[in-house]
Amino acid sequence: MTTPLRALAESTGVPLVDVAVIWSVAAVAIAGLIALAWRTVRGLRRIVTRIDDFADDWAGVPGRPGVPERPGVMVRLDRIEDRLQAMAHELQPNSGLSLRDAVDRVDARTRTLAPDTDTA
C-alpha cells in the first residue's frame, strides 16, 4: 500500500522533480494562507480604528499640548440646546428686552409716523 505523498512523488518518475513540485505547492499554500491572514488582520484593524474614532468623537478628547480639546457629543448637544433657548427667548415677547419686543416697538412708532392707508 502506498501513501498519497508517495503516490504523488512517483507521478513523474523523477524523484527530484516530484519533491520540488510538492515543496512548491506547499510554499504557495503557505504564502496564500499568510496573505489571507494579512488581509483579514488589515480589515479588522480598519474596523477597530473606525470604532475607536467614533468612541473618541462620542466621548470627546481632552486637550494636550498643541492640540485643543474636542468636546463629546453630549456636551455639544447641551451647547446647542442652550443656544436654542437663547434664540427662543429673543423671538417671544417677554420683559421688553428681547428682539421681538424691539421689533414691536419700532412697528408701533412707524405706525404713528406713517399710518397704513387702504387703497382697496
Protein backbone atom coordinates (compact mmCIF):
# COMPACT_ATOMS: atom_id res chain seq x y z
CA MET A 1 0.00 0.00 0.00
CA THR A 2 1.36 3.42 -0.94
CA THR A 3 0.73 6.68 0.89
CA PRO A 4 -0.74 9.67 -1.00
CA LEU A 5 2.56 11.55 -0.80
CA ARG A 6 4.46 8.56 -2.17
CA ALA A 7 1.94 8.20 -4.98
CA LEU A 8 2.32 11.91 -5.75
CA ALA A 9 6.10 11.65 -5.62
CA GLU A 10 6.05 8.77 -8.09
CA SER A 11 3.82 10.57 -10.56
CA THR A 12 6.59 11.95 -12.84
CA GLY A 13 9.11 9.24 -12.34
CA VAL A 14 11.84 11.76 -11.42
CA PRO A 15 12.00 11.90 -7.64
CA LEU A 16 13.83 15.24 -7.50
CA VAL A 17 11.19 16.95 -9.68
CA ASP A 18 8.38 15.39 -7.67
CA VAL A 19 9.86 16.66 -4.38
CA ALA A 20 10.33 20.13 -5.89
CA VAL A 21 6.68 20.15 -7.03
CA ILE A 22 5.47 19.12 -3.58
CA TRP A 23 7.58 21.80 -1.87
CA SER A 24 6.42 24.41 -4.39
CA VAL A 25 2.77 23.57 -3.81
CA ALA A 26 3.34 23.71 -0.05
CA ALA A 27 5.12 27.08 -0.33
CA VAL A 28 2.30 28.53 -2.45
CA ALA A 29 -0.30 27.23 0.01
CA ILE A 30 1.55 28.73 2.97
CA ALA A 31 2.02 32.05 1.16
CA GLY A 32 -1.68 32.09 0.32
CA LEU A 33 -2.63 31.47 3.94
CA ILE A 34 -0.27 34.23 5.08
CA ALA A 35 -1.76 36.66 2.53
CA LEU A 36 -5.30 35.74 3.61
CA ALA A 37 -4.41 36.23 7.27
CA TRP A 38 -2.76 39.58 6.48
CA ARG A 39 -5.84 40.85 4.63
CA THR A 40 -8.09 39.71 7.46
CA VAL A 41 -5.95 41.42 10.10
CA ARG A 42 -5.74 44.59 8.00
CA GLY A 43 -9.53 44.69 7.59
CA LEU A 44 -10.09 44.12 11.30
CA ARG A 45 -7.59 46.84 12.09
CA ARG A 46 -9.51 49.31 9.92
CA ILE A 47 -12.77 48.42 11.65
CA VAL A 48 -11.19 48.79 15.11
CA THR A 49 -9.69 52.15 14.10
CA ARG A 50 -13.09 53.42 12.95
CA ILE A 51 -14.75 52.24 16.14
CA ASP A 52 -12.02 53.96 18.17
CA ASP A 53 -12.51 57.20 16.20
CA PHE A 54 -16.27 57.01 16.80
CA ALA A 55 -15.73 56.46 20.53
CA ASP A 56 -13.37 59.46 20.66
CA ASP A 57 -15.91 61.63 18.83
CA TRP A 58 -18.73 60.48 21.12
CA ALA A 59 -16.88 60.89 24.41
CA GLY A 60 -14.62 63.79 23.43
CA VAL A 61 -10.87 64.15 23.62
CA PRO A 62 -9.11 66.14 26.34
CA GLY A 63 -6.70 68.85 25.30
CA ARG A 64 -2.98 68.22 25.26
CA PRO A 65 -0.01 70.43 24.41
CA GLY A 66 -0.51 71.78 20.91
CA VAL A 67 -3.93 70.15 20.43
CA PRO A 68 -7.15 71.80 21.62
CA GLU A 69 -9.84 69.90 23.47
CA ARG A 70 -12.64 68.35 21.42
CA PRO A 71 -15.88 68.09 23.39
CA GLY A 72 -18.03 64.98 23.13
CA VAL A 73 -21.45 64.66 21.56
CA MET A 74 -23.41 65.19 24.77
CA VAL A 75 -21.52 68.40 25.63
CA ARG A 76 -22.06 69.70 22.11
CA LEU A 77 -25.79 68.86 22.25
CA ASP A 78 -26.06 70.73 25.56
CA ARG A 79 -24.45 73.78 23.95
CA ILE A 80 -26.88 73.59 21.03
CA GLU A 81 -29.83 73.41 23.43
CA ASP A 82 -28.54 76.49 25.30
CA ARG A 83 -28.28 78.41 22.03
CA LEU A 84 -31.80 77.40 21.01
CA GLN A 85 -33.18 78.54 24.36
CA ALA A 86 -31.44 81.89 23.96
CA MET A 87 -32.90 82.29 20.46
CA ALA A 88 -36.38 81.30 21.65
CA HIS A 89 -36.10 83.95 24.36
CA GLU A 90 -35.33 86.59 21.73
CA LEU A 91 -38.24 85.56 19.48
CA GLN A 92 -41.00 85.73 22.12
CA PRO A 93 -42.41 88.92 23.59
CA ASN A 94 -41.39 88.97 27.23
CA SER A 95 -39.70 91.51 29.51
CA GLY A 96 -39.21 94.18 26.86
CA LEU A 97 -35.58 93.34 26.24
CA SER A 98 -36.00 90.72 23.52
CA LEU A 99 -35.59 91.24 19.81
CA ARG A 100 -39.31 90.64 19.33
CA ASP A 101 -40.14 93.45 21.79
CA ALA A 102 -37.79 95.80 19.94
CA VAL A 103 -39.41 94.99 16.60
CA ASP A 104 -42.86 95.56 18.09
CA ARG A 105 -41.75 98.96 19.45
CA VAL A 106 -40.33 100.00 16.08
CA ASP A 107 -43.53 98.85 14.36
CA ALA A 108 -45.68 100.87 16.77
CA ARG A 109 -43.57 104.00 16.22
CA THR A 110 -43.68 103.59 12.48
CA ARG A 111 -47.47 103.33 12.54
CA THR A 112 -47.71 106.66 14.35
CA LEU A 113 -45.42 108.34 11.81
CA ALA A 114 -46.96 106.82 8.69
CA PRO A 115 -50.31 105.18 9.23
CA ASP A 116 -51.43 102.47 6.80
CA THR A 117 -53.85 103.67 4.15
CA ASP A 118 -56.19 101.24 2.50
CA THR A 119 -56.34 101.91 -1.22
CA ALA A 120 -58.59 98.97 -1.98
